[in-house]
């Protein structure tokens, strides 16, 4: 894991279980088992939910990679632990549960 990923991990893990997994040249960020965003080129992109739209209204909206279908917030407010906690807990409640694979 690179320095930026470790920084994101440290900031977010104070709130809950954070997993950062490599994926196709970037990284996927999971909070308590749910995909909440991507890391690419030392930038954290968070999925859009009602909570992220409200709390990050002044943040830039951008695509994490070419061809991405989901518009995301670029997150840079790492020093505000209260914001991080409210953001992650709100996003967790609003994002769908992980789909289970059907048994064959």
PDB file of N, CA and C in Angstrom:
ATOM      1  N   UNK A   1       0.858  -1.177   0.000  1.00  0.00           N
ATOM      2  CA  UNK A   1       0.000   0.000   0.000  1.00  0.00           C
ATOM      3  C   UNK A   1       0.903   1.239   0.000  1.00  0.00           C
ATOM      4  N   UNK A   2       0.540   2.237  -0.790  1.00  0.00           N
ATOM      5  CA  UNK A   2       1.364   3.438  -0.859  1.00  0.00           C
ATOM      6  C   UNK A   2       1.054   4.396   0.290  1.00  0.00           C
ATOM      7  N   UNK A   3       1.824   5.463   0.364  1.00  0.00           N
ATOM      8  CA  UNK A   3       1.713   6.427   1.465  1.00  0.00           C
ATOM      9  C   UNK A   3       0.330   7.078   1.535  1.00  0.00           C
ATOM     10  N   UNK A   4      -0.223   7.455   0.390  1.00  0.00           N
ATOM     11  CA  UNK A   4      -1.542   8.090   0.391  1.00  0.00           C
ATOM     12  C   UNK A   4      -2.616   7.116   0.876  1.00  0.00           C
ATOM     13  N   UNK A   5      -2.559   5.881   0.408  1.00  0.00           N
ATOM     14  CA  UNK A   5      -3.531   4.878   0.846  1.00  0.00           C
ATOM     15  C   UNK A   5      -3.442   4.655   2.348  1.00  0.00           C
ATOM     16  N   UNK A   6      -2.236   4.606   2.881  1.00  0.00           N
ATOM     17  CA  UNK A   6      -2.047   4.447   4.325  1.00  0.00           C
ATOM     18  C   UNK A   6      -2.649   5.635   5.084  1.00  0.00           C
ATOM     19  N   UNK A   7      -2.498   6.834   4.530  1.00  0.00           N
ATOM     20  CA  UNK A   7      -3.066   8.039   5.143  1.00  0.00           C
ATOM     21  C   UNK A   7      -4.596   7.955   5.176  1.00  0.00           C
ATOM     22  N   UNK A   8      -5.195   7.566   4.049  1.00  0.00           N
ATOM     23  CA  UNK A   8      -6.655   7.405   3.984  1.00  0.00           C
ATOM     24  C   UNK A   8      -7.087   6.349   4.997  1.00  0.00           C
ATOM     25  N   UNK A   9      -6.373   5.242   5.034  1.00  0.00           N
ATOM     26  CA  UNK A   9      -6.695   4.159   5.963  1.00  0.00           C
ATOM     27  C   UNK A   9      -6.674   4.664   7.410  1.00  0.00           C
ATOM     28  N   UNK A  10      -5.628   5.377   7.786  1.00  0.00           N
ATOM     29  CA  UNK A  10      -5.516   5.895   9.155  1.00  0.00           C
ATOM     30  C   UNK A  10      -6.658   6.842   9.493  1.00  0.00           C
ATOM     31  N   UNK A  11      -6.995   7.743   8.589  1.00  0.00           N
ATOM     32  CA  UNK A  11      -8.058   8.725   8.843  1.00  0.00           C
ATOM     33  C   UNK A  11      -9.423   8.050   8.980  1.00  0.00           C
ATOM     34  N   UNK A  12      -9.709   7.086   8.133  1.00  0.00           N
ATOM     35  CA  UNK A  12     -11.026   6.462   8.104  1.00  0.00           C
ATOM     36  C   UNK A  12     -11.174   5.320   9.101  1.00  0.00           C
ATOM     37  N   UNK A  13     -10.089   4.631   9.427  1.00  0.00           N
ATOM     38  CA  UNK A  13     -10.198   3.464  10.316  1.00  0.00           C
ATOM     39  C   UNK A  13     -10.538   3.853  11.745  1.00  0.00           C
ATOM     40  N   UNK A  14     -10.394   5.120  12.090  1.00  0.00           N
ATOM     41  CA  UNK A  14     -10.808   5.584  13.420  1.00  0.00           C
ATOM     42  C   UNK A  14     -12.327   5.504  13.564  1.00  0.00           C
ATOM     43  N   UNK A  15     -13.034   5.434  12.442  1.00  0.00           N
ATOM     44  CA  UNK A  15     -14.497   5.410  12.441  1.00  0.00           C
ATOM     45  C   UNK A  15     -15.046   3.990  12.319  1.00  0.00           C
ATOM     46  N   UNK A  16     -14.361   3.131  11.567  1.00  0.00           N
ATOM     47  CA  UNK A  16     -14.856   1.771  11.350  1.00  0.00           C
ATOM     48  C   UNK A  16     -13.841   0.933  10.615  1.00  0.00           C
ATOM     49  N   UNK A  17     -14.283  -0.217  10.137  1.00  0.00           N
ATOM     50  CA  UNK A  17     -13.417  -1.164   9.448  1.00  0.00           C
ATOM     51  C   UNK A  17     -13.188  -0.691   8.013  1.00  0.00           C
ATOM     52  N   UNK A  18     -11.949  -0.379   7.671  1.00  0.00           N
ATOM     53  CA  UNK A  18     -11.590   0.089   6.336  1.00  0.00           C
ATOM     54  C   UNK A  18     -10.707  -0.958   5.666  1.00  0.00           C
ATOM     55  N   UNK A  19     -11.048  -1.286   4.425  1.00  0.00           N
ATOM     56  CA  UNK A  19     -10.235  -2.180   3.615  1.00  0.00           C
ATOM     57  C   UNK A  19      -9.970  -1.464   2.301  1.00  0.00           C
ATOM     58  N   UNK A  20      -8.712  -1.448   1.883  1.00  0.00           N
ATOM     59  CA  UNK A  20      -8.320  -0.852   0.607  1.00  0.00           C
ATOM     60  C   UNK A  20      -7.708  -1.965  -0.239  1.00  0.00           C
ATOM     61  N   UNK A  21      -8.371  -2.268  -1.371  1.00  0.00           N
ATOM     62  CA  UNK A  21      -7.955  -3.382  -2.233  1.00  0.00           C
ATOM     63  C   UNK A  21      -7.501  -2.856  -3.590  1.00  0.00           C
ATOM     64  N   UNK A  22      -6.370  -3.379  -4.094  1.00  0.00           N
ATOM     65  CA  UNK A  22      -5.949  -2.986  -5.443  1.00  0.00           C
ATOM     66  C   UNK A  22      -6.933  -3.511  -6.477  1.00  0.00           C
ATOM     67  N   UNK A  23      -7.199  -2.695  -7.510  1.00  0.00           N
ATOM     68  CA  UNK A  23      -8.127  -3.103  -8.564  1.00  0.00           C
ATOM     69  C   UNK A  23      -7.818  -2.318  -9.831  1.00  0.00           C
ATOM     70  N   UNK A  24      -7.378  -3.000 -10.867  1.00  0.00           N
ATOM     71  CA  UNK A  24      -7.182  -2.424 -12.206  1.00  0.00           C
ATOM     72  C   UNK A  24      -6.413  -1.109 -12.186  1.00  0.00           C
ATOM     73  N   UNK A  25      -5.281  -1.075 -11.531  1.00  0.00           N
ATOM     74  CA  UNK A  25      -4.437   0.109 -11.527  1.00  0.00           C
ATOM     75  C   UNK A  25      -4.794   1.134 -10.472  1.00  0.00           C
ATOM     76  N   UNK A  26      -5.893   0.954  -9.788  1.00  0.00           N
ATOM     77  CA  UNK A  26      -6.296   1.849  -8.710  1.00  0.00           C
ATOM     78  C   UNK A  26      -6.589   1.023  -7.479  1.00  0.00           C
ATOM     79  N   UNK A  27      -7.390   1.582  -6.603  1.00  0.00           N
ATOM     80  CA  UNK A  27      -7.745   0.898  -5.366  1.00  0.00           C
ATOM     81  C   UNK A  27      -9.223   1.123  -5.059  1.00  0.00           C
ATOM     82  N   UNK A  28      -9.865   0.110  -4.505  1.00  0.00           N
ATOM     83  CA  UNK A  28     -11.242   0.226  -4.046  1.00  0.00           C
ATOM     84  C   UNK A  28     -11.212   0.394  -2.534  1.00  0.00           C
ATOM     85  N   UNK A  29     -12.100   1.244  -2.015  1.00  0.00           N
ATOM     86  CA  UNK A  29     -12.154   1.516  -0.576  1.00  0.00           C
ATOM     87  C   UNK A  29     -13.486   1.006  -0.041  1.00  0.00           C
ATOM     88  N   UNK A  30     -13.405   0.143   0.963  1.00  0.00           N
ATOM     89  CA  UNK A  30     -14.587  -0.441   1.604  1.00  0.00           C
ATOM     90  C   UNK A  30     -14.675   0.039   3.049  1.00  0.00           C
ATOM     91  N   UNK A  31     -15.887   0.361   3.477  1.00  0.00           N
ATOM     92  CA  UNK A  31     -16.159   0.737   4.857  1.00  0.00           C
ATOM     93  C   UNK A  31     -17.154  -0.271   5.418  1.00  0.00           C
ATOM     94  N   UNK A  32     -16.745  -0.986   6.443  1.00  0.00           N
ATOM     95  CA  UNK A  32     -17.585  -2.027   7.056  1.00  0.00           C
ATOM     96  C   UNK A  32     -18.190  -2.957   5.999  1.00  0.00           C
ATOM     97  N   UNK A  33     -17.393  -3.294   4.995  1.00  0.00           N
ATOM     98  CA  UNK A  33     -17.799  -4.253   3.983  1.00  0.00           C
ATOM     99  C   UNK A  33     -18.496  -3.684   2.762  1.00  0.00           C
ATOM    100  N   UNK A  34     -18.813  -2.395   2.757  1.00  0.00           N
ATOM    101  CA  UNK A  34     -19.485  -1.786   1.597  1.00  0.00           C
ATOM    102  C   UNK A  34     -18.508  -0.905   0.829  1.00  0.00           C
ATOM    103  N   UNK A  35     -18.574  -0.995  -0.498  1.00  0.00           N
ATOM    104  CA  UNK A  35     -17.740  -0.165  -1.359  1.00  0.00           C
ATOM    105  C   UNK A  35     -18.197   1.283  -1.251  1.00  0.00           C
ATOM    106  N   UNK A  36     -17.285   2.159  -0.822  1.00  0.00           N
ATOM    107  CA  UNK A  36     -17.637   3.576  -0.677  1.00  0.00           C
ATOM    108  C   UNK A  36     -16.921   4.464  -1.669  1.00  0.00           C
ATOM    109  N   UNK A  37     -15.841   3.964  -2.295  1.00  0.00           N
ATOM    110  CA  UNK A  37     -15.128   4.820  -3.222  1.00  0.00           C
ATOM    111  C   UNK A  37     -13.910   4.168  -3.839  1.00  0.00           C
ATOM    112  N   UNK A  38     -13.138   5.009  -4.519  1.00  0.00           N
ATOM    113  CA  UNK A  38     -11.937   4.589  -5.243  1.00  0.00           C
ATOM    114  C   UNK A  38     -10.795   5.541  -4.903  1.00  0.00           C
ATOM    115  N   UNK A  39      -9.585   5.022  -5.013  1.00  0.00           N
ATOM    116  CA  UNK A  39      -8.395   5.867  -4.936  1.00  0.00           C
ATOM    117  C   UNK A  39      -7.661   5.711  -6.256  1.00  0.00           C
ATOM    118  N   UNK A  40      -7.334   6.849  -6.856  1.00  0.00           N
ATOM    119  CA  UNK A  40      -6.555   6.854  -8.086  1.00  0.00           C
ATOM    120  C   UNK A  40      -5.704   8.100  -8.137  1.00  0.00           C
ATOM    121  N   UNK A  41      -4.446   7.955  -8.504  1.00  0.00           N
ATOM    122  CA  UNK A  41      -3.527   9.099  -8.616  1.00  0.00           C
ATOM    123  C   UNK A  41      -3.530   9.975  -7.366  1.00  0.00           C
ATOM    124  N   UNK A  42      -3.467   9.337  -6.205  1.00  0.00           N
ATOM    125  CA  UNK A  42      -3.398  10.034  -4.906  1.00  0.00           C
ATOM    126  C   UNK A  42      -4.611  10.941  -4.664  1.00  0.00           C
ATOM    127  N   UNK A  43      -5.766  10.522  -5.172  1.00  0.00           N
ATOM    128  CA  UNK A  43      -7.023  11.244  -4.969  1.00  0.00           C
ATOM    129  C   UNK A  43      -8.062  10.231  -4.504  1.00  0.00           C
ATOM    130  N   UNK A  44      -8.849  10.602  -3.498  1.00  0.00           N
ATOM    131  CA  UNK A  44      -9.927   9.747  -3.015  1.00  0.00           C
ATOM    132  C   UNK A  44     -11.242  10.216  -3.614  1.00  0.00           C
ATOM    133  N   UNK A  45     -11.925   9.314  -4.288  1.00  0.00           N
ATOM    134  CA  UNK A  45     -13.232   9.570  -4.874  1.00  0.00           C
ATOM    135  C   UNK A  45     -14.261   8.804  -4.059  1.00  0.00           C
ATOM    136  N   UNK A  46     -15.296   9.487  -3.583  1.00  0.00           N
ATOM    137  CA  UNK A  46     -16.351   8.834  -2.817  1.00  0.00           C
ATOM    138  C   UNK A  46     -17.630   8.788  -3.629  1.00  0.00           C
ATOM    139  N   UNK A  47     -18.378   7.699  -3.481  1.00  0.00           N
ATOM    140  CA  UNK A  47     -19.646   7.553  -4.188  1.00  0.00           C
ATOM    141  C   UNK A  47     -20.616   8.659  -3.789  1.00  0.00           C
ATOM    142  N   UNK A  48     -21.508   8.946  -4.694  1.00  0.00           N
ATOM    143  CA  UNK A  48     -22.552   9.931  -4.401  1.00  0.00           C
ATOM    144  C   UNK A  48     -23.716   9.244  -3.715  1.00  0.00           C
ATOM    145  N   UNK A  49     -24.080   9.786  -2.568  1.00  0.00           N
ATOM    146  CA  UNK A  49     -25.264   9.373  -1.821  1.00  0.00           C
ATOM    147  C   UNK A  49     -25.900  10.659  -1.314  1.00  0.00           C
ATOM    148  N   UNK A  50     -27.111  10.610  -0.775  1.00  0.00           N
ATOM    149  CA  UNK A  50     -27.679  11.831  -0.204  1.00  0.00           C
ATOM    150  C   UNK A  50     -26.764  12.459   0.858  1.00  0.00           C
ATOM    151  N   UNK A  51     -26.119  11.625   1.678  1.00  0.00           N
ATOM    152  CA  UNK A  51     -25.227  12.164   2.715  1.00  0.00           C
ATOM    153  C   UNK A  51     -23.994  12.806   2.105  1.00  0.00           C
ATOM    154  N   UNK A  52     -23.345  12.137   1.140  1.00  0.00           N
ATOM    155  CA  UNK A  52     -22.147  12.745   0.553  1.00  0.00           C
ATOM    156  C   UNK A  52     -22.502  13.999  -0.244  1.00  0.00           C
ATOM    157  N   UNK A  53     -23.659  13.989  -0.912  1.00  0.00           N
ATOM    158  CA  UNK A  53     -24.091  15.205  -1.621  1.00  0.00           C
ATOM    159  C   UNK A  53     -24.288  16.369  -0.654  1.00  0.00           C
ATOM    160  N   UNK A  54     -24.853  16.088   0.513  1.00  0.00           N
ATOM    161  CA  UNK A  54     -25.118  17.147   1.502  1.00  0.00           C
ATOM    162  C   UNK A  54     -23.829  17.621   2.175  1.00  0.00           C
ATOM    163  N   UNK A  55     -23.024  16.680   2.664  1.00  0.00           N
ATOM    164  CA  UNK A  55     -21.836  17.051   3.432  1.00  0.00           C
ATOM    165  C   UNK A  55     -20.680  17.540   2.567  1.00  0.00           C
ATOM    166  N   UNK A  56     -20.673  17.136   1.310  1.00  0.00           N
ATOM    167  CA  UNK A  56     -19.576  17.514   0.414  1.00  0.00           C
ATOM    168  C   UNK A  56     -20.069  18.386  -0.733  1.00  0.00           C
ATOM    169  N   UNK A  57     -21.096  19.179  -0.468  1.00  0.00           N
ATOM    170  CA  UNK A  57     -21.709  20.010  -1.511  1.00  0.00           C
ATOM    171  C   UNK A  57     -20.701  20.953  -2.165  1.00  0.00           C
ATOM    172  N   UNK A  58     -19.671  21.361  -1.419  1.00  0.00           N
ATOM    173  CA  UNK A  58     -18.679  22.282  -1.978  1.00  0.00           C
ATOM    174  C   UNK A  58     -17.494  21.548  -2.606  1.00  0.00           C
ATOM    175  N   UNK A  59     -17.550  20.213  -2.636  1.00  0.00           N
ATOM    176  CA  UNK A  59     -16.455  19.430  -3.213  1.00  0.00           C
ATOM    177  C   UNK A  59     -16.631  19.268  -4.714  1.00  0.00           C
ATOM    178  N   UNK A  60     -15.532  18.983  -5.362  1.00  0.00           N
ATOM    179  CA  UNK A  60     -15.534  18.768  -6.802  1.00  0.00           C
ATOM    180  C   UNK A  60     -16.161  17.419  -7.131  1.00  0.00           C
ATOM    181  N   UNK A  61     -16.936  17.377  -8.192  1.00  0.00           N
ATOM    182  CA  UNK A  61     -17.454  16.113  -8.724  1.00  0.00           C
ATOM    183  C   UNK A  61     -16.572  15.725  -9.902  1.00  0.00           C
ATOM    184  N   UNK A  62     -16.174  14.462  -9.927  1.00  0.00           N
ATOM    185  CA  UNK A  62     -15.258  14.021 -10.963  1.00  0.00           C
ATOM    186  C   UNK A  62     -15.404  12.525 -11.188  1.00  0.00           C
ATOM    187  N   UNK A  63     -14.917  12.061 -12.335  1.00  0.00           N
ATOM    188  CA  UNK A  63     -14.887  10.629 -12.621  1.00  0.00           C
ATOM    189  C   UNK A  63     -13.543  10.072 -12.159  1.00  0.00           C
ATOM    190  N   UNK A  64     -13.547   8.944 -11.449  1.00  0.00           N
ATOM    191  CA  UNK A  64     -12.283   8.389 -10.985  1.00  0.00           C
ATOM    192  C   UNK A  64     -11.432   7.801 -12.106  1.00  0.00           C
ATOM    193  N   UNK A  65     -12.054   7.410 -13.213  1.00  0.00           N
ATOM    194  CA  UNK A  65     -11.312   6.891 -14.361  1.00  0.00           C
ATOM    195  C   UNK A  65     -12.177   7.049 -15.602  1.00  0.00           C
ATOM    196  N   UNK A  66     -11.539   7.066 -16.745  1.00  0.00           N
ATOM    197  CA  UNK A  66     -12.260   7.234 -18.004  1.00  0.00           C
ATOM    198  C   UNK A  66     -13.248   6.089 -18.203  1.00  0.00           C
ATOM    199  N   UNK A  67     -14.471   6.438 -18.530  1.00  0.00           N
ATOM    200  CA  UNK A  67     -15.508   5.442 -18.739  1.00  0.00           C
ATOM    201  C   UNK A  67     -16.296   5.109 -17.488  1.00  0.00           C
ATOM    202  N   UNK A  68     -15.939   5.727 -16.362  1.00  0.00           N
ATOM    203  CA  UNK A  68     -16.655   5.480 -15.111  1.00  0.00           C
ATOM    204  C   UNK A  68     -18.093   5.945 -15.249  1.00  0.00           C
ATOM    205  N   UNK A  69     -19.014   5.155 -14.724  1.00  0.00           N
ATOM    206  CA  UNK A  69     -20.432   5.510 -14.802  1.00  0.00           C
ATOM    207  C   UNK A  69     -20.893   6.298 -13.583  1.00  0.00           C
ATOM    208  N   UNK A  70     -20.169   6.196 -12.489  1.00  0.00           N
ATOM    209  CA  UNK A  70     -20.600   6.832 -11.252  1.00  0.00           C
ATOM    210  C   UNK A  70     -19.846   8.128 -11.031  1.00  0.00           C
ATOM    211  N   UNK A  71     -20.582   9.217 -10.892  1.00  0.00           N
ATOM    212  CA  UNK A  71     -19.975  10.500 -10.579  1.00  0.00           C
ATOM    213  C   UNK A  71     -19.672  10.525  -9.086  1.00  0.00           C
ATOM    214  N   UNK A  72     -18.485  10.967  -8.703  1.00  0.00           N
ATOM    215  CA  UNK A  72     -18.092  10.905  -7.306  1.00  0.00           C
ATOM    216  C   UNK A  72     -17.538  12.233  -6.825  1.00  0.00           C
ATOM    217  N   UNK A  73     -17.586  12.382  -5.506  1.00  0.00           N
ATOM    218  CA  UNK A  73     -16.970  13.534  -4.854  1.00  0.00           C
ATOM    219  C   UNK A  73     -15.481  13.280  -4.669  1.00  0.00           C
ATOM    220  N   UNK A  74     -14.674  14.269  -4.945  1.00  0.00           N
ATOM    221  CA  UNK A  74     -13.266  14.205  -4.606  1.00  0.00           C
ATOM    222  C   UNK A  74     -13.160  14.659  -3.154  1.00  0.00           C
ATOM    223  N   UNK A  75     -12.571  13.817  -2.315  1.00  0.00           N
ATOM    224  CA  UNK A  75     -12.551  14.081  -0.874  1.00  0.00           C
ATOM    225  C   UNK A  75     -11.175  14.559  -0.435  1.00  0.00           C
ATOM    226  N   UNK A  76     -11.135  15.673   0.300  1.00  0.00           N
ATOM    227  CA  UNK A  76      -9.861  16.199   0.790  1.00  0.00           C
ATOM    228  C   UNK A  76      -9.965  16.782   2.205  1.00  0.00           C
ATOM    229  N   UNK A  77     -11.001  16.430   2.936  1.00  0.00           N
ATOM    230  CA  UNK A  77     -11.216  16.999   4.270  1.00  0.00           C
ATOM    231  C   UNK A  77     -10.810  15.992   5.354  1.00  0.00           C
ATOM    232  N   UNK A  78      -9.579  15.507   5.284  1.00  0.00           N
ATOM    233  CA  UNK A  78      -9.129  14.432   6.153  1.00  0.00           C
ATOM    234  C   UNK A  78      -8.948  14.845   7.607  1.00  0.00           C
ATOM    235  N   UNK A  79      -8.796  16.118   7.872  1.00  0.00           N
ATOM    236  CA  UNK A  79      -8.542  16.567   9.245  1.00  0.00           C
ATOM    237  C   UNK A  79      -9.815  16.692  10.088  1.00  0.00           C
ATOM    238  N   UNK A  80     -10.976  16.603   9.482  1.00  0.00           N
ATOM    239  CA  UNK A  80     -12.245  16.788  10.196  1.00  0.00           C
ATOM    240  C   UNK A  80     -12.858  15.429  10.556  1.00  0.00           C
ATOM    241  N   UNK A  81     -12.483  14.918  11.735  1.00  0.00           N
ATOM    242  CA  UNK A  81     -12.927  13.573  12.140  1.00  0.00           C
ATOM    243  C   UNK A  81     -14.454  13.499  12.293  1.00  0.00           C
ATOM    244  N   UNK A  82     -15.076  14.551  12.810  1.00  0.00           N
ATOM    245  CA  UNK A  82     -16.537  14.539  12.957  1.00  0.00           C
ATOM    246  C   UNK A  82     -17.221  14.429  11.598  1.00  0.00           C
ATOM    247  N   UNK A  83     -16.705  15.147  10.613  1.00  0.00           N
ATOM    248  CA  UNK A  83     -17.245  15.076   9.253  1.00  0.00           C
ATOM    249  C   UNK A  83     -17.054  13.671   8.687  1.00  0.00           C
ATOM    250  N   UNK A  84     -15.872  13.100   8.865  1.00  0.00           N
ATOM    251  CA  UNK A  84     -15.600  11.756   8.363  1.00  0.00           C
ATOM    252  C   UNK A  84     -16.571  10.755   8.977  1.00  0.00           C
ATOM    253  N   UNK A  85     -16.779  10.851  10.275  1.00  0.00           N
ATOM    254  CA  UNK A  85     -17.682   9.920  10.950  1.00  0.00           C
ATOM    255  C   UNK A  85     -19.111  10.052  10.431  1.00  0.00           C
ATOM    256  N   UNK A  86     -19.614  11.279  10.353  1.00  0.00           N
ATOM    257  CA  UNK A  86     -20.975  11.493   9.857  1.00  0.00           C
ATOM    258  C   UNK A  86     -21.101  11.043   8.398  1.00  0.00           C
ATOM    259  N   UNK A  87     -20.086  11.339   7.599  1.00  0.00           N
ATOM    260  CA  UNK A  87     -20.085  10.981   6.188  1.00  0.00           C
ATOM    261  C   UNK A  87     -20.106   9.468   5.998  1.00  0.00           C
ATOM    262  N   UNK A  88     -19.182   8.760   6.637  1.00  0.00           N
ATOM    263  CA  UNK A  88     -19.090   7.318   6.444  1.00  0.00           C
ATOM    264  C   UNK A  88     -20.308   6.587   6.991  1.00  0.00           C
ATOM    265  N   UNK A  89     -20.795   6.994   8.133  1.00  0.00           N
ATOM    266  CA  UNK A  89     -21.973   6.338   8.706  1.00  0.00           C
ATOM    267  C   UNK A  89     -23.211   6.590   7.843  1.00  0.00           C
ATOM    268  N   UNK A  90     -23.358   7.816   7.335  1.00  0.00           N
ATOM    269  CA  UNK A  90     -24.486   8.127   6.460  1.00  0.00           C
ATOM    270  C   UNK A  90     -24.410   7.377   5.152  1.00  0.00           C
ATOM    271  N   UNK A  91     -23.229   7.354   4.541  1.00  0.00           N
ATOM    272  CA  UNK A  91     -23.056   6.626   3.280  1.00  0.00           C
ATOM    273  C   UNK A  91     -23.324   5.143   3.485  1.00  0.00           C
ATOM    274  N   UNK A  92     -22.838   4.597   4.583  1.00  0.00           N
ATOM    275  CA  UNK A  92     -23.038   3.167   4.854  1.00  0.00           C
ATOM    276  C   UNK A  92     -24.531   2.830   4.907  1.00  0.00           C
ATOM    277  N   UNK A  93     -25.300   3.662   5.558  1.00  0.00           N
ATOM    278  CA  UNK A  93     -26.739   3.422   5.684  1.00  0.00           C
ATOM    279  C   UNK A  93     -27.447   3.530   4.324  1.00  0.00           C
ATOM    280  N   UNK A  94     -26.921   4.355   3.434  1.00  0.00           N
ATOM    281  CA  UNK A  94     -27.587   4.626   2.158  1.00  0.00           C
ATOM    282  C   UNK A  94     -27.143   3.704   1.014  1.00  0.00           C
ATOM    283  N   UNK A  95     -25.967   3.133   1.118  1.00  0.00           N
ATOM    284  CA  UNK A  95     -25.470   2.268   0.054  1.00  0.00           C
ATOM    285  C   UNK A  95     -26.068   0.869   0.191  1.00  0.00           C
ATOM    286  N   UNK A  96     -26.294   0.205  -0.937  1.00  0.00           N
ATOM    287  CA  UNK A  96     -26.897  -1.146  -0.877  1.00  0.00           C
ATOM    288  C   UNK A  96     -25.930  -2.149  -0.263  1.00  0.00           C
ATOM    289  N   UNK A  97     -26.501  -3.201   0.312  1.00  0.00           N
ATOM    290  CA  UNK A  97     -25.682  -4.284   0.835  1.00  0.00           C
ATOM    291  C   UNK A  97     -24.995  -4.990  -0.317  1.00  0.00           C
ATOM    292  N   UNK A  98     -23.879  -5.617  -0.017  1.00  0.00           N
ATOM    293  CA  UNK A  98     -23.134  -6.371  -1.025  1.00  0.00           C
ATOM    294  C   UNK A  98     -24.014  -7.522  -1.523  1.00  0.00           C
ATOM    295  N   UNK A  99     -24.055  -7.676  -2.840  1.00  0.00           N
ATOM    296  CA  UNK A  99     -24.846  -8.764  -3.421  1.00  0.00           C
ATOM    297  C   UNK A  99     -24.129 -10.081  -3.177  1.00  0.00           C
ATOM    298  N   UNK A 100     -24.902 -11.066  -2.764  1.00  0.00           N
ATOM    299  CA  UNK A 100     -24.332 -12.396  -2.541  1.00  0.00           C
ATOM    300  C   UNK A 100     -24.359 -13.166  -3.845  1.00  0.00           C
ATOM    301  N   UNK A 101     -23.317 -13.946  -4.046  1.00  0.00           N
ATOM    302  CA  UNK A 101     -23.251 -14.771  -5.247  1.00  0.00           C
ATOM    303  C   UNK A 101     -24.214 -15.918  -5.098  1.00  0.00           C
ATOM    304  N   UNK A 102     -24.935 -16.200  -6.183  1.00  0.00           N
ATOM    305  CA  UNK A 102     -25.906 -17.315  -6.162  1.00  0.00           C
ATOM    306  C   UNK A 102     -25.143 -18.636  -6.228  1.00  0.00           C
ATOM    307  N   UNK A 103     -25.602 -19.586  -5.458  1.00  0.00           N
ATOM    308  CA  UNK A 103     -25.008 -20.924  -5.477  1.00  0.00           C
ATOM    309  C   UNK A 103     -25.371 -21.607  -6.782  1.00  0.00           C
ATOM    310  N   UNK A 104     -24.429 -22.332  -7.328  1.00  0.00           N
ATOM    311  CA  UNK A 104     -24.678 -23.029  -8.604  1.00  0.00           C
ATOM    312  C   UNK A 104     -25.133 -24.437  -8.365  1.00  0.00           C
TER     313      UNK A 104
END
